[in-house]
């Protein structure tokens, strides 16, 4: 009998050794951490999620070191674009040109225009009387009488104020000629070829001479040769041209030289010198380059524009500074003429499709999308982890203290959590984002502030989780033993209670990372998150707001959306795997 019982015991021991050890048997030989690890690696979805997260980290933090382009690098190229080259306008304002050696104050321009508007031919400024002479064709001469000497009249005798300030001494013969003309009642007289004027006052008189001060005209004068610019801009040359035009003369002389004029119409023409070379261009059409273009128009080009405008042609051909014959289009809008041509211009390569240089194309700012995805991943992933850590720290401390002490402390702290939860999350984030925009916070500092704001606004869920777990643990035997051992409150909470809650916190944090990335993407999509020139996946997906970009340029927003989806899905898989691994009831 004894022998048979021994044989049975040996057979049972052999059967137990041959049976595969299940999870219950492994608990005897494996640590809890190893048990969790074994369960986790058996979950295929968790491994896939871990691989996705690892790939995202490698792409974001290592990719930038190997990819040749930076996140803020703008790509430029050259293209032929029809741009404005010149702007022409009919001049409607009179321009004043003062005579040489004469001071004509600019302040006298307003009284001059006022006199013209009221059809007056005289005006006064600064104590000087000016006379306006209409020469026709909106060409005016402005002159006046310059007093040479004054005298006091008494019983037909004139006492001259010679030697006084403003009254130079005159020749005796000139005085005698003035006295004779004054006595005979003449208003003017000629002495030695010069016409003098008699000005009468109350018991006083003055001798004056007429002098030209300025001419006024709508025409602009441009010199073909810089060497002749001084002559063209002189008062005498302008006066000679205007008088020749008024008299319909084709020839005129100035400064000992003869000139010939060829007119397009009554206001536009060209002056040629005695050798037949173009000397000056005369026109009421003012030609200027576009603002900030730095373009300089030669006179020959201005002449071609004026001819095209006068002849009402839609385009013309002319040689540019580099000698190429180029077509220029003339477009009229109201009283302005815009001259445009195809120019080889440096342009920003915006919305360029994927190419060998830019593997995923360029965005609205001409920046490489793949590079911005790499650097943007750093911000999105780092922001997610930092926010989770902030939320865990605040939530664990708040929930641990509240649940351990209980009573009125727990009531007050939980009511604060309820009050905090009444704050509307997204409206508050949008308001805070607007404040950051108003103060123009630096984009880098904005990221740190955004991390803190997201962490502070999202800790209440963790606090409630910690409170609920610790309430069930604080009455356990190990806590009674810790209290009996005289451990401090802080050690009891953070050394014994919190570690027992950590598995659940790790699961919540892992699954919460995906939610934080989506929140950042949402805020950036609304324009309240990461700002240009820094990039984040959410900010890049913001391009889809524009309907044109959404339809025709999917490479600008679709890759960012795929990365957000993949990363969040990876964190979800890892969170599910950790939850199953930490569950002691799991048998697989």
Protein backbone atom coordinates (compact mmCIF):
# COMPACT_ATOMS: atom_id res chain seq x y z
CA UNK A 1 0.00 0.00 0.00
CA UNK A 2 2.75 2.38 0.96
CA UNK A 3 4.57 1.66 -2.25
CA UNK A 4 1.52 2.36 -4.36
CA UNK A 5 0.90 5.73 -2.61
CA UNK A 6 4.48 6.79 -3.19
CA UNK A 7 4.13 5.94 -6.85
CA UNK A 8 1.00 8.05 -7.12
CA UNK A 9 2.77 11.08 -5.53
CA UNK A 10 5.65 10.76 -7.98
CA UNK A 11 3.23 10.60 -10.94
CA UNK A 12 1.43 13.75 -9.76
CA UNK A 13 4.73 15.65 -9.39
CA UNK A 14 5.73 14.66 -12.94
CA UNK A 15 2.37 15.83 -14.33
CA UNK A 16 2.74 19.20 -12.58
CA UNK A 17 6.24 19.63 -13.99
CA UNK A 18 4.99 18.87 -17.50
CA UNK A 19 2.05 21.33 -17.36
CA UNK A 20 2.84 24.88 -18.77
CA UNK A 21 2.90 27.57 -16.08
CA UNK A 22 -0.01 29.99 -16.37
CA UNK A 23 -0.12 33.60 -15.13
CA UNK A 24 -1.09 32.44 -11.62
CA UNK A 25 1.96 30.21 -11.44
CA UNK A 26 4.23 32.93 -12.83
CA UNK A 27 3.28 35.29 -10.03
CA UNK A 28 5.33 33.08 -7.74
CA UNK A 29 8.49 33.53 -9.78
CA UNK A 30 8.07 36.92 -11.59
CA UNK A 31 8.12 40.43 -10.09
CA UNK A 32 5.00 42.61 -10.57
CA UNK A 33 6.90 44.80 -13.05
CA UNK A 34 7.96 41.80 -15.10
CA UNK A 35 4.41 40.51 -14.96
CA UNK A 36 3.13 43.80 -16.42
CA UNK A 37 5.87 43.75 -19.05
CA UNK A 38 5.04 40.19 -20.14
CA UNK A 39 1.38 41.03 -20.48
CA UNK A 40 2.12 44.26 -22.34
CA UNK A 41 4.39 42.72 -24.99
CA UNK A 42 1.79 40.04 -25.70
CA UNK A 43 -0.64 42.81 -26.77
CA UNK A 44 -0.02 43.31 -30.50
CA UNK A 45 -1.93 46.60 -30.70
CA UNK A 46 0.15 47.99 -27.81
CA UNK A 47 3.36 47.03 -29.61
CA UNK A 48 2.07 48.68 -32.78
CA UNK A 49 1.23 51.84 -30.81
CA UNK A 50 4.68 51.84 -29.20
CA UNK A 51 6.28 51.51 -32.63
CA UNK A 52 4.20 54.42 -33.93
CA UNK A 53 5.23 56.63 -31.00
CA UNK A 54 8.90 55.67 -31.41
CA UNK A 55 8.70 56.46 -35.12
CA UNK A 56 7.17 59.87 -34.37
CA UNK A 57 9.91 60.70 -31.89
CA UNK A 58 12.62 59.64 -34.33
CA UNK A 59 10.97 61.61 -37.13
CA UNK A 60 10.61 64.75 -35.01
CA UNK A 61 13.80 64.82 -32.95
CA UNK A 62 16.27 63.06 -35.25
CA UNK A 63 14.88 63.93 -38.67
CA UNK A 64 15.85 67.60 -38.41
CA UNK A 65 19.54 66.68 -38.09
CA UNK A 66 19.55 64.81 -41.41
CA UNK A 67 17.09 66.84 -43.48
CA UNK A 68 18.94 69.75 -45.15
CA UNK A 69 16.23 72.41 -44.77
CA UNK A 70 15.15 74.39 -41.70
CA UNK A 71 11.64 75.09 -40.49
CA UNK A 72 11.84 78.83 -41.27
CA UNK A 73 13.80 78.58 -44.53
CA UNK A 74 11.99 80.39 -47.34
CA UNK A 75 12.52 79.07 -50.86
CA UNK A 76 12.75 81.58 -53.68
CA UNK A 77 13.01 81.33 -57.43
CA UNK A 78 12.73 83.41 -60.58
CA UNK A 79 9.67 83.75 -62.79
CA UNK A 80 8.35 86.03 -65.52
CA UNK A 81 5.53 88.05 -63.98
CA UNK A 82 3.51 90.84 -65.58
CA UNK A 83 4.31 93.74 -63.26
CA UNK A 84 3.91 97.49 -63.25
CA UNK A 85 6.90 99.20 -64.80
CA UNK A 86 5.68 102.79 -64.91
CA UNK A 87 2.69 104.94 -63.99
CA UNK A 88 1.69 107.89 -66.21
CA UNK A 89 -0.69 110.69 -65.28
CA UNK A 90 -1.85 113.85 -67.00
CA UNK A 91 -0.58 116.73 -64.92
CA UNK A 92 -3.37 119.07 -63.83
CA UNK A 93 -1.33 121.31 -61.52
CA UNK A 94 0.65 124.39 -62.48
CA UNK A 95 4.34 124.25 -61.71
CA UNK A 96 6.24 127.43 -60.84
CA UNK A 97 9.77 128.06 -62.10
CA UNK A 98 11.52 131.12 -60.68
CA UNK A 99 13.79 133.35 -62.76
CA UNK A 100 17.52 133.24 -62.13
CA UNK A 101 18.68 135.61 -59.43
CA UNK A 102 15.12 136.25 -58.24
CA UNK A 103 13.65 135.10 -54.98
CA UNK A 104 10.10 133.91 -55.46
CA UNK A 105 8.87 132.46 -52.16
CA UNK A 106 7.03 129.10 -52.32
CA UNK A 107 4.40 130.60 -50.00
CA UNK A 108 3.30 132.85 -52.87
CA UNK A 109 1.98 129.80 -54.79
CA UNK A 110 -1.31 129.69 -52.84
CA UNK A 111 -2.17 133.40 -53.40
CA UNK A 112 -1.28 132.91 -57.07
CA UNK A 113 -3.78 130.03 -57.45
CA UNK A 114 -6.40 131.98 -55.51
CA UNK A 115 -6.01 134.94 -57.89
CA UNK A 116 -6.44 132.64 -60.90
CA UNK A 117 -9.56 131.05 -59.42
CA UNK A 118 -11.14 134.49 -58.93
CA UNK A 119 -9.97 135.69 -62.36
CA UNK A 120 -7.73 138.33 -60.81
CA UNK A 121 -4.51 139.34 -62.48
CA UNK A 122 -2.79 140.76 -59.43
CA UNK A 123 -2.03 139.44 -55.97
CA UNK A 124 0.06 140.53 -53.04
CA UNK A 125 2.35 138.48 -50.84
CA UNK A 126 4.98 139.59 -48.37
CA UNK A 127 4.42 143.25 -49.22
CA UNK A 128 5.17 142.67 -52.91
CA UNK A 129 2.59 143.27 -55.65
CA UNK A 130 2.65 140.58 -58.35
CA UNK A 131 1.14 140.78 -61.83
CA UNK A 132 -0.14 137.69 -63.68
CA UNK A 133 0.08 137.66 -67.46
CA UNK A 134 -1.88 134.92 -69.25
CA UNK A 135 0.17 133.81 -72.25
CA UNK A 136 -2.39 131.17 -73.29
CA UNK A 137 -2.37 127.40 -73.12
CA UNK A 138 -2.23 127.47 -69.31
CA UNK A 139 1.09 129.28 -69.45
CA UNK A 140 1.48 132.29 -67.19
CA UNK A 141 4.16 134.85 -66.49
CA UNK A 142 4.43 136.29 -63.01
CA UNK A 143 6.12 139.65 -62.68
CA UNK A 144 6.06 142.80 -60.62
CA UNK A 145 7.43 146.30 -60.13
CA UNK A 146 10.66 146.58 -58.20
CA UNK A 147 11.06 150.02 -56.59
CA UNK A 148 14.45 151.60 -57.26
CA UNK A 149 14.03 154.83 -55.32
CA UNK A 150 11.38 156.86 -53.49
CA UNK A 151 10.94 160.58 -52.99
CA UNK A 152 8.72 163.17 -51.31
CA UNK A 153 6.81 165.59 -53.51
CA UNK A 154 6.28 169.22 -52.45
CA UNK A 155 5.06 172.01 -54.77
CA UNK A 156 6.28 170.19 -57.87
CA UNK A 157 9.69 169.50 -56.36
CA UNK A 158 10.89 165.97 -55.48
CA UNK A 159 13.19 165.33 -52.55
CA UNK A 160 14.83 161.96 -53.13
CA UNK A 161 15.68 159.72 -50.21
CA UNK A 162 19.10 158.85 -51.51
CA UNK A 163 21.36 156.85 -49.23
CA UNK A 164 18.56 155.50 -47.05
CA UNK A 165 18.13 151.76 -46.65
CA UNK A 166 16.42 150.34 -49.72
CA UNK A 167 16.84 153.59 -51.68
CA UNK A 168 20.11 153.55 -53.63
CA UNK A 169 21.37 156.74 -55.19
CA UNK A 170 20.25 157.11 -58.83
CA UNK A 171 22.05 158.89 -61.68
CA UNK A 172 21.06 162.54 -62.02
CA UNK A 173 19.98 162.05 -65.66
CA UNK A 174 17.62 159.21 -64.66
CA UNK A 175 16.13 161.42 -61.94
CA UNK A 176 15.66 164.25 -64.43
CA UNK A 177 13.94 161.90 -66.93
CA UNK A 178 11.64 160.66 -64.16
CA UNK A 179 10.75 164.20 -63.01
CA UNK A 180 9.89 165.20 -66.60
CA UNK A 181 7.69 162.11 -67.13
CA UNK A 182 6.03 162.68 -63.76
CA UNK A 183 5.35 166.33 -64.51
CA UNK A 184 3.89 165.44 -67.91
CA UNK A 185 1.61 162.77 -66.33
CA UNK A 186 3.21 159.74 -67.95
CA UNK A 187 3.10 156.37 -66.17
CA UNK A 188 6.26 155.11 -67.79
CA UNK A 189 9.28 156.30 -69.72
CA UNK A 190 12.32 154.87 -71.45
CA UNK A 191 15.82 155.75 -70.41
CA UNK A 192 18.87 154.23 -72.11
CA UNK A 193 16.73 151.40 -73.55
CA UNK A 194 15.13 150.46 -70.23
CA UNK A 195 11.45 151.06 -69.47
CA UNK A 196 10.83 152.68 -66.07
CA UNK A 197 7.53 153.17 -64.32
CA UNK A 198 6.20 156.14 -62.40
CA UNK A 199 4.42 155.25 -59.20
CA UNK A 200 2.42 158.05 -57.57
CA UNK A 201 1.35 158.20 -53.94
CA UNK A 202 0.01 160.75 -51.46
CA UNK A 203 2.68 163.46 -51.59
CA UNK A 204 5.20 160.81 -52.56
CA UNK A 205 6.40 159.08 -55.68
CA UNK A 206 8.69 156.22 -56.66
CA UNK A 207 10.62 155.08 -59.67
CA UNK A 208 10.28 151.36 -60.44
CA UNK A 209 11.24 148.84 -63.07
CA UNK A 210 9.27 145.78 -64.17
CA UNK A 211 10.88 142.39 -63.51
CA UNK A 212 9.86 138.81 -64.32
CA UNK A 213 9.70 136.62 -61.21
CA UNK A 214 8.53 133.25 -62.47
CA UNK A 215 6.57 131.29 -65.07
CA UNK A 216 3.83 128.79 -64.38
CA UNK A 217 3.01 125.85 -66.64
CA UNK A 218 1.64 122.29 -66.53
CA UNK A 219 4.43 120.97 -68.76
CA UNK A 220 7.41 118.99 -67.49
CA UNK A 221 10.86 119.27 -69.09
CA UNK A 222 13.26 116.30 -69.24
CA UNK A 223 16.79 116.48 -70.64
CA UNK A 224 18.07 113.66 -72.84
CA UNK A 225 21.71 114.32 -72.02
CA UNK A 226 22.74 115.00 -68.39
CA UNK A 227 25.20 117.58 -69.75
CA UNK A 228 22.26 119.69 -70.96
CA UNK A 229 20.14 119.26 -67.82
CA UNK A 230 21.25 122.66 -66.49
CA UNK A 231 20.06 124.42 -69.65
CA UNK A 232 16.77 122.51 -69.77
CA UNK A 233 15.94 123.33 -66.16
CA UNK A 234 16.80 127.03 -66.54
CA UNK A 235 14.14 129.70 -66.46
CA UNK A 236 15.20 131.26 -69.75
CA UNK A 237 15.03 128.01 -71.72
CA UNK A 238 11.59 127.16 -70.34
CA UNK A 239 10.38 130.68 -71.16
CA UNK A 240 11.75 130.43 -74.70
CA UNK A 241 10.06 127.05 -75.27
CA UNK A 242 6.72 128.20 -73.87
CA UNK A 243 6.76 131.39 -75.97
CA UNK A 244 7.64 129.41 -79.11
CA UNK A 245 4.77 127.01 -78.44
CA UNK A 246 2.41 129.93 -77.81
CA UNK A 247 3.44 131.52 -81.11
CA UNK A 248 3.36 128.18 -83.01
CA UNK A 249 7.03 128.58 -83.91
CA UNK A 250 9.03 125.49 -84.82
CA UNK A 251 12.34 127.23 -84.13
CA UNK A 252 13.64 129.37 -81.29
CA UNK A 253 16.98 130.53 -79.95
CA UNK A 254 18.36 130.58 -76.43
CA UNK A 255 21.84 131.26 -75.12
CA UNK A 256 23.28 131.70 -78.60
CA UNK A 257 22.04 128.29 -79.78
CA UNK A 258 19.14 127.49 -82.09
CA UNK A 259 16.60 124.74 -81.44
CA UNK A 260 13.83 122.99 -83.34
CA UNK A 261 10.58 121.59 -81.95
CA UNK A 262 8.45 118.66 -83.10
CA UNK A 263 5.05 118.50 -81.39
CA UNK A 264 2.85 115.42 -80.91
CA UNK A 265 -0.04 117.65 -79.94
CA UNK A 266 -0.52 121.04 -78.28
CA UNK A 267 1.10 119.93 -75.02
CA UNK A 268 3.65 117.24 -75.87
CA UNK A 269 6.73 117.42 -78.04
CA UNK A 270 10.50 117.09 -78.42
CA UNK A 271 13.18 119.79 -78.70
CA UNK A 272 16.16 119.08 -81.00
CA UNK A 273 19.45 120.97 -80.95
CA UNK A 274 21.22 122.42 -84.01
CA UNK A 275 22.86 119.04 -84.78
CA UNK A 276 19.48 117.28 -84.93
CA UNK A 277 19.93 115.35 -81.65
CA UNK A 278 17.03 115.12 -79.22
CA UNK A 279 17.74 117.68 -76.52
CA UNK A 280 14.65 117.80 -74.30
CA UNK A 281 11.24 116.21 -73.97
CA UNK A 282 8.26 118.43 -73.15
CA UNK A 283 5.00 116.96 -71.92
CA UNK A 284 2.04 117.32 -69.57
CA UNK A 285 2.22 113.55 -68.95
CA UNK A 286 4.12 112.82 -65.74
CA UNK A 287 5.77 109.39 -65.61
CA UNK A 288 6.90 107.85 -62.33
CA UNK A 289 8.16 104.38 -61.35
CA UNK A 290 6.09 102.17 -59.01
CA UNK A 291 6.63 102.95 -55.34
CA UNK A 292 9.66 101.16 -53.91
CA UNK A 293 10.62 99.54 -57.22
CA UNK A 294 13.94 101.37 -57.63
CA UNK A 295 13.36 101.61 -61.41
CA UNK A 296 14.83 104.57 -63.33
CA UNK A 297 13.18 105.47 -66.63
CA UNK A 298 15.37 106.97 -69.40
CA UNK A 299 13.94 109.90 -71.35
CA UNK A 300 13.62 107.87 -74.56
CA UNK A 301 11.42 105.38 -72.71
CA UNK A 302 9.26 108.18 -71.32
CA UNK A 303 8.86 109.54 -74.84
CA UNK A 304 7.66 106.14 -76.07
CA UNK A 305 5.09 105.99 -73.27
CA UNK A 306 3.83 109.49 -74.05
CA UNK A 307 3.51 108.69 -77.73
CA UNK A 308 1.55 105.53 -76.92
CA UNK A 309 -0.79 107.48 -74.63
CA UNK A 310 -1.32 110.33 -77.10
CA UNK A 311 -1.94 107.88 -79.94
CA UNK A 312 -4.18 105.68 -77.70
CA UNK A 313 -2.42 102.40 -78.53
CA UNK A 314 -2.77 99.44 -76.09
CA UNK A 315 0.92 98.46 -76.24
CA UNK A 316 4.27 99.46 -77.68
CA UNK A 317 7.72 97.95 -78.21
CA UNK A 318 10.96 99.57 -77.10
CA UNK A 319 14.47 98.69 -76.04
CA UNK A 320 15.21 98.35 -72.34
CA UNK A 321 18.44 99.25 -70.58
CA UNK A 322 19.96 95.83 -71.42
CA UNK A 323 19.28 96.35 -75.13
CA UNK A 324 16.44 93.83 -75.40
CA UNK A 325 13.36 94.77 -77.38
CA UNK A 326 10.44 94.38 -74.99
CA UNK A 327 6.71 94.76 -75.24
CA UNK A 328 4.94 97.07 -72.79
CA UNK A 329 1.17 97.08 -72.26
CA UNK A 330 -0.70 100.32 -71.47
CA UNK A 331 -3.77 100.02 -69.27
CA UNK A 332 -5.89 103.07 -68.51
CA UNK A 333 -7.82 103.38 -65.25
CA UNK A 334 -9.57 106.75 -64.92
CA UNK A 335 -6.87 109.41 -65.38
CA UNK A 336 -3.96 107.05 -64.75
CA UNK A 337 -2.07 104.89 -67.24
CA UNK A 338 -0.33 101.77 -65.96
CA UNK A 339 2.52 100.45 -68.08
CA UNK A 340 3.18 96.75 -67.48
CA UNK A 341 5.59 94.19 -68.84
CA UNK A 342 6.80 90.66 -68.12
CA UNK A 343 9.76 90.91 -65.77
CA UNK A 344 12.10 88.21 -64.49
CA UNK A 345 11.41 88.61 -60.80
CA UNK A 346 12.50 86.83 -57.66
CA UNK A 347 9.40 85.15 -56.25
CA UNK A 348 8.66 83.09 -53.16
CA UNK A 349 7.82 79.52 -54.11
CA UNK A 350 4.45 79.30 -52.37
CA UNK A 351 2.26 76.20 -52.68
CA UNK A 352 4.82 74.37 -54.80
CA UNK A 353 3.95 70.67 -55.16
CA UNK A 354 6.29 67.92 -53.90
CA UNK A 355 9.60 67.80 -55.74
CA UNK A 356 13.17 66.53 -55.38
CA UNK A 357 14.11 69.69 -53.48
CA UNK A 358 11.01 69.81 -51.29
CA UNK A 359 9.77 66.29 -50.73
CA UNK A 360 6.35 67.36 -49.47
CA UNK A 361 6.18 70.71 -51.28
CA UNK A 362 6.02 74.21 -49.79
CA UNK A 363 3.37 76.10 -47.85
CA UNK A 364 1.83 79.58 -48.11
CA UNK A 365 5.10 81.17 -46.92
CA UNK A 366 7.37 79.21 -49.27
CA UNK A 367 8.70 77.01 -46.45
CA UNK A 368 9.45 73.30 -46.72
CA UNK A 369 6.52 71.33 -45.30
CA UNK A 370 8.55 68.23 -44.37
CA UNK A 371 11.03 70.31 -42.36
CA UNK A 372 8.19 72.09 -40.56
CA UNK A 373 6.56 68.73 -39.81
CA UNK A 374 9.79 67.56 -38.17
CA UNK A 375 10.28 70.66 -36.06
CA UNK A 376 6.56 70.96 -35.41
CA UNK A 377 6.53 67.40 -34.03
CA UNK A 378 9.09 68.43 -31.42
CA UNK A 379 6.78 71.13 -30.15
CA UNK A 380 3.62 69.01 -30.24
CA UNK A 381 5.18 65.99 -28.50
CA UNK A 382 7.16 68.02 -25.96
CA UNK A 383 4.13 70.13 -25.17
CA UNK A 384 2.05 66.97 -24.61
CA UNK A 385 4.53 65.43 -22.15
CA UNK A 386 5.13 68.66 -20.23
CA UNK A 387 1.41 69.31 -19.89
CA UNK A 388 0.81 65.77 -18.63
CA UNK A 389 3.55 66.15 -16.02
CA UNK A 390 2.08 69.47 -14.83
CA UNK A 391 -1.39 67.95 -14.63
CA UNK A 392 -0.08 64.89 -12.76
CA UNK A 393 1.83 66.98 -10.25
CA UNK A 394 -1.08 69.28 -9.42
CA UNK A 395 -3.67 66.50 -9.52
CA UNK A 396 -1.70 64.06 -7.34
CA UNK A 397 -0.87 66.68 -4.69
CA UNK A 398 -4.39 68.10 -4.58
CA UNK A 399 -6.19 64.75 -4.71
CA UNK A 400 -3.83 63.08 -2.26
CA UNK A 401 -4.19 65.76 0.41
CA UNK A 402 -7.96 65.98 -0.04
CA UNK A 403 -8.61 62.21 0.24
CA UNK A 404 -6.17 61.52 3.08
CA UNK A 405 -7.48 64.13 5.49
CA UNK A 406 -11.13 63.79 4.47
CA UNK A 407 -13.81 65.65 6.42
CA UNK A 408 -14.15 69.36 5.92
CA UNK A 409 -10.76 69.51 4.13
CA UNK A 410 -12.02 67.06 1.49
CA UNK A 411 -15.32 68.91 1.19
CA UNK A 412 -13.70 72.33 0.69
CA UNK A 413 -11.12 71.05 -1.79
CA UNK A 414 -13.66 69.08 -3.84
CA UNK A 415 -16.01 72.05 -3.99
CA UNK A 416 -13.08 74.06 -5.31
CA UNK A 417 -12.62 71.39 -7.99
CA UNK A 418 -16.32 71.68 -8.86
CA UNK A 419 -16.01 75.46 -9.05
CA UNK A 420 -12.89 75.17 -11.22
CA UNK A 421 -14.70 72.80 -13.58
CA UNK A 422 -17.39 75.44 -14.22
CA UNK A 423 -14.81 77.57 -16.07
CA UNK A 424 -15.48 77.17 -19.84
CA UNK A 425 -12.32 75.58 -21.13
CA UNK A 426 -12.04 76.65 -24.77
CA UNK A 427 -13.50 80.17 -24.35
CA UNK A 428 -11.01 80.77 -21.53
CA UNK A 429 -8.12 79.49 -23.67
CA UNK A 430 -9.21 81.70 -26.55
CA UNK A 431 -9.38 84.73 -24.25
CA UNK A 432 -5.91 83.99 -22.87
CA UNK A 433 -4.62 83.51 -26.41
CA UNK A 434 -6.05 86.90 -27.37
CA UNK A 435 -4.27 88.49 -24.40
CA UNK A 436 -0.98 86.95 -25.56
CA UNK A 437 -1.64 88.32 -29.05
CA UNK A 438 -2.39 91.79 -27.67
CA UNK A 439 0.91 91.89 -25.76
CA UNK A 440 2.78 90.39 -28.75
CA UNK A 441 4.43 87.70 -26.68
CA UNK A 442 7.49 86.11 -28.27
CA UNK A 443 6.56 82.81 -30.05
CA UNK A 444 9.04 80.79 -27.93
CA UNK A 445 7.77 82.26 -24.65
CA UNK A 446 4.25 81.68 -25.88
CA UNK A 447 4.90 77.92 -26.04
CA UNK A 448 5.97 77.81 -22.37
CA UNK A 449 2.97 79.86 -21.35
CA UNK A 450 0.71 77.57 -23.39
CA UNK A 451 2.16 74.54 -21.61
CA UNK A 452 1.43 76.03 -18.21
CA UNK A 453 -2.08 77.09 -19.19
CA UNK A 454 -2.99 73.65 -20.55
CA UNK A 455 -1.56 72.00 -17.45
CA UNK A 456 -3.37 74.29 -15.02
CA UNK A 457 -6.68 74.00 -16.87
CA UNK A 458 -6.69 70.18 -17.03
CA UNK A 459 -5.64 68.76 -13.65
CA UNK A 460 -9.08 68.31 -12.01
CA UNK A 461 -9.79 64.90 -13.57
CA UNK A 462 -6.54 63.47 -12.20
CA UNK A 463 -7.28 64.96 -8.76
CA UNK A 464 -10.66 63.20 -8.66
CA UNK A 465 -9.10 59.90 -9.78
CA UNK A 466 -6.40 60.08 -7.11
CA UNK A 467 -8.97 60.99 -4.44
CA UNK A 468 -11.21 58.06 -5.30
CA UNK A 469 -8.35 55.55 -5.22
CA UNK A 470 -6.80 56.81 -2.00
CA UNK A 471 -10.17 56.82 -0.22
CA UNK A 472 -10.33 53.05 -0.79
CA UNK A 473 -6.69 52.50 0.17
CA UNK A 474 -6.30 54.58 3.31
CA UNK A 475 -8.27 52.08 5.42
CA UNK A 476 -6.13 49.13 4.34
CA UNK A 477 -3.97 47.25 6.84
CA UNK A 478 -0.68 48.55 5.41
CA UNK A 479 -1.80 52.13 6.07
CA UNK A 480 -2.78 51.29 9.64
CA UNK A 481 0.67 49.77 10.06
CA UNK A 482 2.34 52.88 8.56
CA UNK A 483 0.43 55.11 10.98
CA UNK A 484 1.33 52.86 13.90
CA UNK A 485 4.96 53.03 12.85
CA UNK A 486 4.83 56.81 13.32
CA UNK A 487 5.45 57.79 9.69
CA UNK A 488 4.74 61.41 8.82
CA UNK A 489 1.66 62.37 6.86
CA UNK A 490 3.70 63.26 3.80
CA UNK A 491 5.46 59.87 3.77
CA UNK A 492 2.19 58.04 4.26
CA UNK A 493 0.60 59.86 1.31
CA UNK A 494 3.47 60.03 -1.17
CA UNK A 495 5.43 56.94 -0.09
CA UNK A 496 2.63 54.41 0.38
CA UNK A 497 -0.64 55.68 -1.07
CA UNK A 498 0.43 57.42 -4.29
CA UNK A 499 2.65 54.53 -5.51
CA UNK A 500 -0.38 52.27 -5.31
CA UNK A 501 -2.26 54.68 -7.56
CA UNK A 502 0.58 55.04 -10.07
CA UNK A 503 -0.51 52.24 -12.43
CA UNK A 504 -3.84 53.95 -12.97
CA UNK A 505 -2.12 57.35 -13.33
CA UNK A 506 0.26 55.96 -15.92
CA UNK A 507 -2.64 54.62 -17.94
CA UNK A 508 -4.55 57.92 -17.71
CA UNK A 509 -1.43 59.95 -18.59
CA UNK A 510 -0.62 57.77 -21.60
CA UNK A 511 -4.14 58.02 -22.96
CA UNK A 512 -4.32 61.70 -22.04
CA UNK A 513 -1.24 62.54 -24.14
CA UNK A 514 -3.22 62.04 -27.30
CA UNK A 515 -5.98 64.30 -26.01
CA UNK A 516 -3.48 67.06 -25.19
CA UNK A 517 -1.98 66.89 -28.67
CA UNK A 518 -5.48 67.21 -30.13
CA UNK A 519 -6.20 70.16 -27.80
CA UNK A 520 -3.01 71.93 -28.92
CA UNK A 521 -3.91 71.20 -32.52
CA UNK A 522 -7.38 72.63 -31.96
CA UNK A 523 -6.03 75.81 -30.36
CA UNK A 524 -3.46 76.24 -33.13
CA UNK A 525 -6.17 75.56 -35.70
CA UNK A 526 -8.17 78.41 -34.13
CA UNK A 527 -5.09 80.66 -34.23
CA UNK A 528 -4.56 80.67 -30.45
CA UNK A 529 -1.71 78.20 -30.18
CA UNK A 530 1.82 78.14 -31.57
CA UNK A 531 2.61 81.19 -33.69
CA UNK A 532 4.63 81.79 -36.86
CA UNK A 533 7.51 81.25 -37.60
CA UNK A 534 7.48 78.27 -35.21
CA UNK A 535 5.54 75.26 -36.37
CA UNK A 536 3.31 72.66 -34.77
CA UNK A 537 1.15 70.02 -36.34
CA UNK A 538 -1.99 71.82 -35.26
CA UNK A 539 -0.81 75.12 -36.69
CA UNK A 540 0.04 73.46 -40.00
CA UNK A 541 -3.38 71.86 -40.24
CA UNK A 542 -4.79 75.37 -39.81
CA UNK A 543 -4.13 75.88 -43.53
CA UNK A 544 -7.27 73.83 -44.24
CA UNK A 545 -9.42 76.80 -43.13
CA UNK A 546 -8.90 78.31 -46.58
CA UNK A 547 -11.27 76.64 -49.02
CA UNK A 548 -8.85 77.05 -51.93
CA UNK A 549 -5.99 75.45 -49.98
CA UNK A 550 -8.31 72.68 -48.77
CA UNK A 551 -9.27 71.86 -52.35
CA UNK A 552 -6.17 72.44 -54.46
CA UNK A 553 -3.17 72.17 -52.08
CA UNK A 554 -3.78 69.08 -49.91
CA UNK A 555 -0.04 68.56 -49.33
CA UNK A 556 -0.01 71.66 -47.08
CA UNK A 557 -2.40 70.26 -44.43
CA UNK A 558 -2.95 66.54 -45.02
CA UNK A 559 0.49 65.32 -43.75
CA UNK A 560 0.03 67.19 -40.46
CA UNK A 561 -3.41 65.67 -40.03
CA UNK A 562 -2.04 62.18 -40.70
CA UNK A 563 0.73 62.66 -38.10
CA UNK A 564 -1.74 63.91 -35.48
CA UNK A 565 -4.05 60.95 -36.19
CA UNK A 566 -1.18 58.41 -36.08
CA UNK A 567 0.35 59.80 -32.87
CA UNK A 568 -2.95 59.95 -31.01
CA UNK A 569 -3.81 56.44 -32.20
CA UNK A 570 -0.40 55.19 -31.01
CA UNK A 571 -0.90 56.67 -27.54
CA UNK A 572 -4.38 55.15 -27.39
CA UNK A 573 -3.00 51.69 -28.27
CA UNK A 574 -0.26 52.01 -25.64
CA UNK A 575 -2.79 53.22 -23.05
CA UNK A 576 -5.08 50.28 -23.74
CA UNK A 577 -2.13 47.91 -23.52
CA UNK A 578 -1.02 49.32 -20.16
CA UNK A 579 -4.54 49.15 -18.82
CA UNK A 580 -4.79 45.46 -19.73
CA UNK A 581 -1.29 44.75 -18.42
CA UNK A 582 -1.98 46.31 -15.03
CA UNK A 583 -5.32 44.51 -14.69
CA UNK A 584 -4.69 41.47 -12.40
CA UNK A 585 -7.75 39.73 -13.81
CA UNK A 586 -6.24 39.55 -17.30
CA UNK A 587 -5.28 35.97 -18.16
CA UNK A 588 -3.80 36.42 -21.58
